[in-house]
Amino acid sequence: MSDLDTLRAHLDDLALSAHLATAVDDRPHVAPVWFVLDDDADALWLFTGGRKLENLARNPRVALSVESADRAGTVDWQATVFGTAHRVDDDARAAWVERRLAATYAMHEADPDALGGDDADDEATVSSEGLVRVDVGSVSLTEF
């Protein structure tokens, strides 16, 4: 089983936020995001805006870090996904991502109207953000 397949299994029915790292001019920018893995491709999807979209337009290389830990801080597993991101203008795909995010995060009492990461440069709603596909290049996964 590949690390990506193991990550898919770990994420099944979990509502975890992740941190997306972009960089321009050797300056990293890290911000929390909600995301979904694509069932049919080695890709993940998210909505984002502001500085992250600007950075992606200039440098599409990204990293996404996610982990599962209990309230005491004991980490069960952690993964870093390295890939290439690009904005996608596809209303049907955006609707699919919105439904997946709502199903995943709303069932865990998250606010389904705030389906994206939040940072000082981003708007709070999906409608003001851009759909981003991250094509997975590699996954580094550690289980504890």
N, C-alpha and C. Protein backbone atom coordinates (compact mmCIF):
# COMPACT_ATOMS: atom_id res chain seq x y z
N MET A 1 0.85 -1.18 0.00
CA MET A 1 0.00 0.00 0.00
C MET A 1 0.90 1.24 0.00
N SER A 2 0.61 2.18 -0.89
CA SER A 2 1.41 3.41 -0.95
C SER A 2 1.07 4.33 0.22
N ASP A 3 1.94 5.30 0.47
CA ASP A 3 1.65 6.27 1.53
C ASP A 3 0.37 7.04 1.23
N LEU A 4 0.10 7.33 -0.06
CA LEU A 4 -1.14 8.02 -0.41
C LEU A 4 -2.35 7.16 -0.10
N ASP A 5 -2.28 5.86 -0.39
CA ASP A 5 -3.38 4.96 -0.06
C ASP A 5 -3.58 4.86 1.45
N THR A 6 -2.48 4.82 2.20
CA THR A 6 -2.57 4.79 3.66
C THR A 6 -3.19 6.08 4.17
N LEU A 7 -2.81 7.21 3.59
CA LEU A 7 -3.40 8.49 3.98
C LEU A 7 -4.89 8.49 3.71
N ARG A 8 -5.31 7.98 2.53
CA ARG A 8 -6.74 7.89 2.22
C ARG A 8 -7.47 7.10 3.31
N ALA A 9 -6.89 5.97 3.72
CA ALA A 9 -7.52 5.14 4.75
C ALA A 9 -7.60 5.88 6.08
N HIS A 10 -6.56 6.61 6.44
CA HIS A 10 -6.57 7.38 7.69
C HIS A 10 -7.61 8.50 7.66
N LEU A 11 -7.82 9.10 6.51
CA LEU A 11 -8.72 10.24 6.42
C LEU A 11 -10.18 9.84 6.32
N ASP A 12 -10.46 8.57 6.08
CA ASP A 12 -11.83 8.11 5.95
C ASP A 12 -12.63 8.50 7.18
N ASP A 13 -13.66 9.31 6.99
CA ASP A 13 -14.57 9.75 8.04
C ASP A 13 -13.94 10.66 9.09
N LEU A 14 -12.78 11.22 8.83
CA LEU A 14 -12.18 12.19 9.75
C LEU A 14 -12.31 13.59 9.17
N ALA A 15 -12.54 14.54 10.03
CA ALA A 15 -12.60 15.94 9.62
C ALA A 15 -11.38 16.66 10.19
N LEU A 16 -10.30 16.63 9.45
CA LEU A 16 -9.06 17.22 9.91
C LEU A 16 -8.72 18.44 9.06
N SER A 17 -8.28 19.48 9.72
CA SER A 17 -7.74 20.59 8.96
C SER A 17 -6.28 20.29 8.66
N ALA A 18 -5.76 21.00 7.72
CA ALA A 18 -4.36 20.82 7.34
C ALA A 18 -3.73 22.21 7.22
N HIS A 19 -2.45 22.23 7.02
CA HIS A 19 -1.74 23.49 6.79
C HIS A 19 -1.12 23.43 5.40
N LEU A 20 -1.48 24.40 4.58
CA LEU A 20 -0.96 24.50 3.22
C LEU A 20 0.19 25.49 3.22
N ALA A 21 1.32 25.06 2.70
CA ALA A 21 2.49 25.93 2.60
C ALA A 21 2.72 26.30 1.14
N THR A 22 2.77 27.60 0.89
CA THR A 22 3.15 28.13 -0.41
C THR A 22 4.40 28.97 -0.18
N ALA A 23 5.08 29.31 -1.25
CA ALA A 23 6.28 30.14 -1.10
C ALA A 23 6.54 30.95 -2.36
N VAL A 24 6.96 32.17 -2.16
CA VAL A 24 7.40 33.04 -3.24
C VAL A 24 8.61 33.81 -2.73
N ASP A 25 9.60 33.93 -3.58
CA ASP A 25 10.83 34.66 -3.22
C ASP A 25 11.44 34.14 -1.92
N ASP A 26 11.45 32.83 -1.77
CA ASP A 26 12.03 32.18 -0.59
C ASP A 26 11.34 32.55 0.72
N ARG A 27 10.11 33.04 0.65
CA ARG A 27 9.34 33.36 1.86
C ARG A 27 8.17 32.40 1.95
N PRO A 28 8.14 31.55 2.97
CA PRO A 28 7.01 30.63 3.11
C PRO A 28 5.77 31.35 3.64
N HIS A 29 4.62 30.83 3.25
CA HIS A 29 3.34 31.30 3.77
C HIS A 29 2.54 30.05 4.10
N VAL A 30 2.18 29.89 5.36
CA VAL A 30 1.47 28.70 5.82
C VAL A 30 0.13 29.13 6.39
N ALA A 31 -0.93 28.43 5.99
CA ALA A 31 -2.27 28.76 6.47
C ALA A 31 -3.12 27.50 6.55
N PRO A 32 -4.06 27.46 7.50
CA PRO A 32 -4.94 26.29 7.63
C PRO A 32 -5.94 26.22 6.48
N VAL A 33 -6.25 25.00 6.07
CA VAL A 33 -7.25 24.77 5.02
C VAL A 33 -8.02 23.49 5.34
N TRP A 34 -9.22 23.42 4.79
CA TRP A 34 -9.96 22.16 4.73
C TRP A 34 -9.76 21.63 3.33
N PHE A 35 -9.76 20.31 3.19
CA PHE A 35 -9.45 19.72 1.89
C PHE A 35 -10.17 18.40 1.74
N VAL A 36 -10.24 17.91 0.52
CA VAL A 36 -10.75 16.57 0.24
C VAL A 36 -9.79 15.90 -0.73
N LEU A 37 -9.61 14.60 -0.56
CA LEU A 37 -8.82 13.82 -1.51
C LEU A 37 -9.72 13.40 -2.66
N ASP A 38 -9.17 13.40 -3.85
CA ASP A 38 -9.89 12.94 -5.03
C ASP A 38 -9.92 11.42 -5.00
N ASP A 39 -11.09 10.83 -5.21
CA ASP A 39 -11.22 9.37 -5.19
C ASP A 39 -10.57 8.71 -6.40
N ASP A 40 -10.52 9.44 -7.51
CA ASP A 40 -10.11 8.84 -8.77
C ASP A 40 -8.74 9.27 -9.27
N ALA A 41 -8.05 10.11 -8.54
CA ALA A 41 -6.76 10.62 -9.01
C ALA A 41 -5.86 10.88 -7.81
N ASP A 42 -4.58 10.99 -8.08
CA ASP A 42 -3.63 11.35 -7.03
C ASP A 42 -3.64 12.86 -6.89
N ALA A 43 -4.75 13.36 -6.32
CA ALA A 43 -4.93 14.80 -6.19
C ALA A 43 -5.78 15.10 -4.97
N LEU A 44 -5.68 16.32 -4.50
CA LEU A 44 -6.58 16.80 -3.46
C LEU A 44 -7.10 18.15 -3.89
N TRP A 45 -8.23 18.53 -3.30
CA TRP A 45 -8.94 19.75 -3.68
C TRP A 45 -9.18 20.61 -2.46
N LEU A 46 -9.14 21.92 -2.65
CA LEU A 46 -9.45 22.85 -1.57
C LEU A 46 -9.87 24.18 -2.18
N PHE A 47 -10.47 25.01 -1.35
CA PHE A 47 -10.78 26.38 -1.74
C PHE A 47 -9.85 27.29 -0.96
N THR A 48 -9.34 28.29 -1.61
CA THR A 48 -8.49 29.25 -0.92
C THR A 48 -8.52 30.58 -1.66
N GLY A 49 -7.96 31.58 -1.06
CA GLY A 49 -7.96 32.90 -1.67
C GLY A 49 -6.78 33.71 -1.19
N GLY A 50 -6.83 35.00 -1.43
CA GLY A 50 -5.83 35.92 -0.92
C GLY A 50 -4.41 35.58 -1.32
N ARG A 51 -3.53 35.67 -0.35
CA ARG A 51 -2.10 35.48 -0.59
C ARG A 51 -1.79 34.09 -1.15
N LYS A 52 -2.50 33.06 -0.69
CA LYS A 52 -2.21 31.71 -1.18
C LYS A 52 -2.42 31.62 -2.69
N LEU A 53 -3.53 32.17 -3.18
CA LEU A 53 -3.77 32.14 -4.63
C LEU A 53 -2.72 32.95 -5.38
N GLU A 54 -2.35 34.09 -4.84
CA GLU A 54 -1.31 34.89 -5.48
C GLU A 54 0.01 34.11 -5.53
N ASN A 55 0.35 33.46 -4.43
CA ASN A 55 1.59 32.68 -4.40
C ASN A 55 1.55 31.53 -5.40
N LEU A 56 0.41 30.83 -5.47
CA LEU A 56 0.30 29.70 -6.39
C LEU A 56 0.46 30.13 -7.84
N ALA A 57 -0.01 31.31 -8.16
CA ALA A 57 0.13 31.81 -9.53
C ALA A 57 1.61 32.02 -9.89
N ARG A 58 2.41 32.33 -8.90
CA ARG A 58 3.83 32.60 -9.13
C ARG A 58 4.71 31.36 -8.93
N ASN A 59 4.28 30.48 -8.04
CA ASN A 59 5.06 29.27 -7.73
C ASN A 59 4.08 28.16 -7.34
N PRO A 60 3.82 27.21 -8.22
CA PRO A 60 2.79 26.20 -7.96
C PRO A 60 3.20 25.08 -7.00
N ARG A 61 4.46 25.06 -6.57
CA ARG A 61 4.90 23.99 -5.66
C ARG A 61 4.38 24.26 -4.25
N VAL A 62 3.76 23.23 -3.65
CA VAL A 62 3.16 23.37 -2.33
C VAL A 62 3.48 22.15 -1.47
N ALA A 63 3.23 22.32 -0.18
CA ALA A 63 3.25 21.21 0.76
C ALA A 63 2.02 21.35 1.64
N LEU A 64 1.43 20.23 2.00
CA LEU A 64 0.26 20.20 2.88
C LEU A 64 0.58 19.25 4.01
N SER A 65 0.43 19.72 5.24
CA SER A 65 0.73 18.91 6.42
C SER A 65 -0.56 18.64 7.18
N VAL A 66 -0.76 17.38 7.56
CA VAL A 66 -1.95 17.00 8.32
C VAL A 66 -1.56 15.93 9.32
N GLU A 67 -2.23 15.93 10.48
CA GLU A 67 -1.97 14.89 11.48
C GLU A 67 -3.25 14.61 12.25
N SER A 68 -3.28 13.45 12.87
CA SER A 68 -4.38 13.08 13.74
C SER A 68 -3.84 12.91 15.15
N ALA A 69 -4.42 13.67 16.07
CA ALA A 69 -3.99 13.61 17.47
C ALA A 69 -5.21 13.65 18.37
N ASP A 70 -5.08 13.08 19.56
CA ASP A 70 -6.17 13.16 20.52
C ASP A 70 -6.07 14.46 21.31
N ARG A 71 -7.04 14.70 22.19
CA ARG A 71 -7.07 15.96 22.95
C ARG A 71 -5.86 16.13 23.85
N ALA A 72 -5.24 15.05 24.25
CA ALA A 72 -4.05 15.13 25.10
C ALA A 72 -2.79 15.46 24.29
N GLY A 73 -2.93 15.46 22.96
CA GLY A 73 -1.80 15.80 22.11
C GLY A 73 -1.01 14.61 21.61
N THR A 74 -1.50 13.41 21.87
CA THR A 74 -0.83 12.21 21.38
C THR A 74 -1.13 12.06 19.89
N VAL A 75 -0.10 12.06 19.08
CA VAL A 75 -0.26 11.98 17.63
C VAL A 75 -0.30 10.52 17.20
N ASP A 76 -1.34 10.15 16.44
CA ASP A 76 -1.47 8.79 15.92
C ASP A 76 -0.68 8.63 14.62
N TRP A 77 -0.76 9.64 13.77
CA TRP A 77 -0.06 9.63 12.49
C TRP A 77 0.08 11.06 11.99
N GLN A 78 1.02 11.25 11.10
CA GLN A 78 1.19 12.56 10.46
C GLN A 78 1.63 12.34 9.02
N ALA A 79 1.24 13.27 8.16
CA ALA A 79 1.60 13.15 6.75
C ALA A 79 1.91 14.52 6.17
N THR A 80 2.85 14.54 5.26
CA THR A 80 3.14 15.73 4.48
C THR A 80 2.99 15.34 3.01
N VAL A 81 2.17 16.10 2.32
CA VAL A 81 1.92 15.89 0.90
C VAL A 81 2.66 16.98 0.13
N PHE A 82 3.48 16.57 -0.82
CA PHE A 82 4.19 17.52 -1.68
C PHE A 82 3.56 17.45 -3.06
N GLY A 83 3.30 18.60 -3.66
CA GLY A 83 2.67 18.57 -4.96
C GLY A 83 2.73 19.89 -5.70
N THR A 84 1.99 19.91 -6.80
CA THR A 84 1.89 21.08 -7.65
C THR A 84 0.43 21.50 -7.70
N ALA A 85 0.18 22.77 -7.44
CA ALA A 85 -1.19 23.27 -7.34
C ALA A 85 -1.52 24.22 -8.48
N HIS A 86 -2.78 24.21 -8.87
CA HIS A 86 -3.24 25.19 -9.84
C HIS A 86 -4.73 25.46 -9.63
N ARG A 87 -5.11 26.68 -9.93
CA ARG A 87 -6.51 27.07 -9.81
C ARG A 87 -7.30 26.43 -10.95
N VAL A 88 -8.52 26.01 -10.62
CA VAL A 88 -9.38 25.35 -11.60
C VAL A 88 -10.71 26.10 -11.66
N ASP A 89 -11.12 26.49 -12.86
CA ASP A 89 -12.42 27.13 -13.06
C ASP A 89 -13.36 26.10 -13.65
N ASP A 90 -14.05 25.37 -12.78
CA ASP A 90 -14.94 24.29 -13.19
C ASP A 90 -16.09 24.25 -12.18
N ASP A 91 -17.25 24.78 -12.58
CA ASP A 91 -18.38 24.87 -11.65
C ASP A 91 -18.84 23.51 -11.15
N ALA A 92 -18.83 22.50 -12.02
CA ALA A 92 -19.26 21.17 -11.61
C ALA A 92 -18.30 20.59 -10.57
N ARG A 93 -17.01 20.75 -10.79
CA ARG A 93 -16.02 20.24 -9.83
C ARG A 93 -16.11 21.04 -8.52
N ALA A 94 -16.31 22.35 -8.61
CA ALA A 94 -16.44 23.16 -7.40
C ALA A 94 -17.64 22.70 -6.57
N ALA A 95 -18.75 22.39 -7.23
CA ALA A 95 -19.93 21.91 -6.52
C ALA A 95 -19.64 20.56 -5.85
N TRP A 96 -18.92 19.68 -6.56
CA TRP A 96 -18.54 18.39 -5.98
C TRP A 96 -17.67 18.58 -4.74
N VAL A 97 -16.68 19.48 -4.82
CA VAL A 97 -15.80 19.73 -3.68
C VAL A 97 -16.61 20.32 -2.52
N GLU A 98 -17.50 21.27 -2.80
CA GLU A 98 -18.33 21.85 -1.75
C GLU A 98 -19.16 20.78 -1.05
N ARG A 99 -19.76 19.86 -1.83
CA ARG A 99 -20.56 18.78 -1.23
C ARG A 99 -19.70 17.88 -0.36
N ARG A 100 -18.51 17.53 -0.85
CA ARG A 100 -17.61 16.66 -0.07
C ARG A 100 -17.15 17.35 1.21
N LEU A 101 -16.79 18.62 1.11
CA LEU A 101 -16.37 19.35 2.31
C LEU A 101 -17.52 19.44 3.31
N ALA A 102 -18.71 19.76 2.83
CA ALA A 102 -19.87 19.87 3.72
C ALA A 102 -20.17 18.53 4.39
N ALA A 103 -20.11 17.46 3.61
CA ALA A 103 -20.39 16.13 4.18
C ALA A 103 -19.35 15.75 5.22
N THR A 104 -18.11 16.04 4.95
CA THR A 104 -17.03 15.67 5.87
C THR A 104 -17.04 16.54 7.12
N TYR A 105 -17.09 17.85 6.95
CA TYR A 105 -16.92 18.74 8.08
C TYR A 105 -18.22 19.04 8.81
N ALA A 106 -19.36 19.08 8.11
CA ALA A 106 -20.63 19.35 8.77
C ALA A 106 -21.02 18.21 9.70
N MET A 107 -20.68 16.98 9.34
CA MET A 107 -21.04 15.86 10.21
C MET A 107 -20.22 15.88 11.49
N HIS A 108 -19.18 16.70 11.52
CA HIS A 108 -18.37 16.85 12.72
C HIS A 108 -18.61 18.21 13.36
N GLU A 109 -19.81 18.77 13.11
CA GLU A 109 -20.28 20.01 13.70
C GLU A 109 -19.46 21.23 13.31
N ALA A 110 -18.81 21.17 12.17
CA ALA A 110 -18.14 22.35 11.64
C ALA A 110 -19.17 23.23 10.94
N ASP A 111 -18.85 24.46 10.71
CA ASP A 111 -19.74 25.38 10.02
C ASP A 111 -19.64 25.15 8.51
N PRO A 112 -20.70 24.59 7.88
CA PRO A 112 -20.62 24.31 6.46
C PRO A 112 -20.57 25.57 5.60
N ASP A 113 -20.83 26.74 6.18
CA ASP A 113 -20.73 27.99 5.42
C ASP A 113 -19.32 28.55 5.40
N ALA A 114 -18.41 27.93 6.13
CA ALA A 114 -17.02 28.40 6.17
C ALA A 114 -16.11 27.31 5.65
N LEU A 115 -16.29 26.94 4.40
CA LEU A 115 -15.63 25.78 3.84
C LEU A 115 -14.23 26.04 3.31
N GLY A 116 -13.46 26.82 3.95
CA GLY A 116 -12.11 27.03 3.46
C GLY A 116 -11.20 27.38 4.61
N GLY A 117 -9.93 27.44 4.30
CA GLY A 117 -8.99 27.89 5.31
C GLY A 117 -9.22 29.36 5.56
N ASP A 118 -8.73 29.85 6.67
CA ASP A 118 -8.91 31.25 7.00
C ASP A 118 -7.58 31.84 7.36
N ASP A 119 -7.22 32.92 6.72
CA ASP A 119 -6.08 33.70 7.17
C ASP A 119 -6.41 35.16 6.90
N ALA A 120 -5.58 36.04 7.33
CA ALA A 120 -5.89 37.46 7.29
C ALA A 120 -6.17 37.97 5.88
N ASP A 121 -5.65 37.30 4.87
CA ASP A 121 -5.82 37.77 3.50
C ASP A 121 -6.98 37.12 2.77
N ASP A 122 -7.64 36.16 3.39
CA ASP A 122 -8.67 35.40 2.70
C ASP A 122 -10.07 35.83 3.13
N GLU A 123 -11.01 35.65 2.22
CA GLU A 123 -12.41 35.84 2.55
C GLU A 123 -12.88 34.59 3.28
N ALA A 124 -14.03 34.67 3.96
CA ALA A 124 -14.46 33.57 4.80
C ALA A 124 -15.36 32.58 4.09
N THR A 125 -15.79 32.84 2.88
CA THR A 125 -16.72 31.93 2.23
C THR A 125 -16.14 31.38 0.94
N VAL A 126 -16.66 30.22 0.57
CA VAL A 126 -16.20 29.55 -0.64
C VAL A 126 -16.44 30.41 -1.87
N SER A 127 -17.58 31.10 -1.91
CA SER A 127 -17.93 31.85 -3.12
C SER A 127 -16.89 32.91 -3.47
N SER A 128 -16.13 33.38 -2.49
CA SER A 128 -15.13 34.41 -2.76
C SER A 128 -13.74 33.82 -2.94
N GLU A 129 -13.64 32.51 -2.93
CA GLU A 129 -12.34 31.86 -3.02
C GLU A 129 -12.21 31.11 -4.33
N GLY A 130 -11.00 30.67 -4.63
CA GLY A 130 -10.75 29.91 -5.83
C GLY A 130 -10.60 28.44 -5.54
N LEU A 131 -11.08 27.61 -6.46
CA LEU A 131 -10.92 26.17 -6.35
C LEU A 131 -9.50 25.82 -6.79
N VAL A 132 -8.83 25.01 -5.98
CA VAL A 132 -7.44 24.63 -6.26
C VAL A 132 -7.32 23.12 -6.26
N ARG A 133 -6.66 22.60 -7.28
CA ARG A 133 -6.32 21.18 -7.35
C ARG A 133 -4.83 21.07 -7.06
N VAL A 134 -4.49 20.15 -6.16
CA VAL A 134 -3.09 19.85 -5.87
C VAL A 134 -2.81 18.46 -6.41
N ASP A 135 -1.97 18.37 -7.43
CA ASP A 135 -1.54 17.08 -7.95
C ASP A 135 -0.43 16.57 -7.05
N VAL A 136 -0.67 15.40 -6.45
CA VAL A 136 0.26 14.85 -5.47
C VAL A 136 1.50 14.31 -6.16
N GLY A 137 2.65 14.80 -5.74
CA GLY A 137 3.92 14.29 -6.24
C GLY A 137 4.44 13.18 -5.34
N SER A 138 4.38 13.42 -4.03
CA SER A 138 4.82 12.41 -3.07
C SER A 138 4.15 12.66 -1.73
N VAL A 139 4.15 11.61 -0.91
CA VAL A 139 3.59 11.68 0.44
C VAL A 139 4.60 11.09 1.40
N SER A 140 4.84 11.78 2.48
CA SER A 140 5.68 11.27 3.56
C SER A 140 4.76 11.05 4.76
N LEU A 141 4.55 9.79 5.14
CA LEU A 141 3.61 9.46 6.20
C LEU A 141 4.31 8.69 7.30
N THR A 142 4.04 9.08 8.55
CA THR A 142 4.60 8.40 9.71
C THR A 142 3.46 8.00 10.63
N GLU A 143 3.45 6.75 11.04
CA GLU A 143 2.47 6.26 12.01
C GLU A 143 3.20 6.01 13.32
N PHE A 144 2.53 6.35 14.43
CA PHE A 144 3.14 6.18 15.74
C PHE A 144 2.45 5.08 16.52
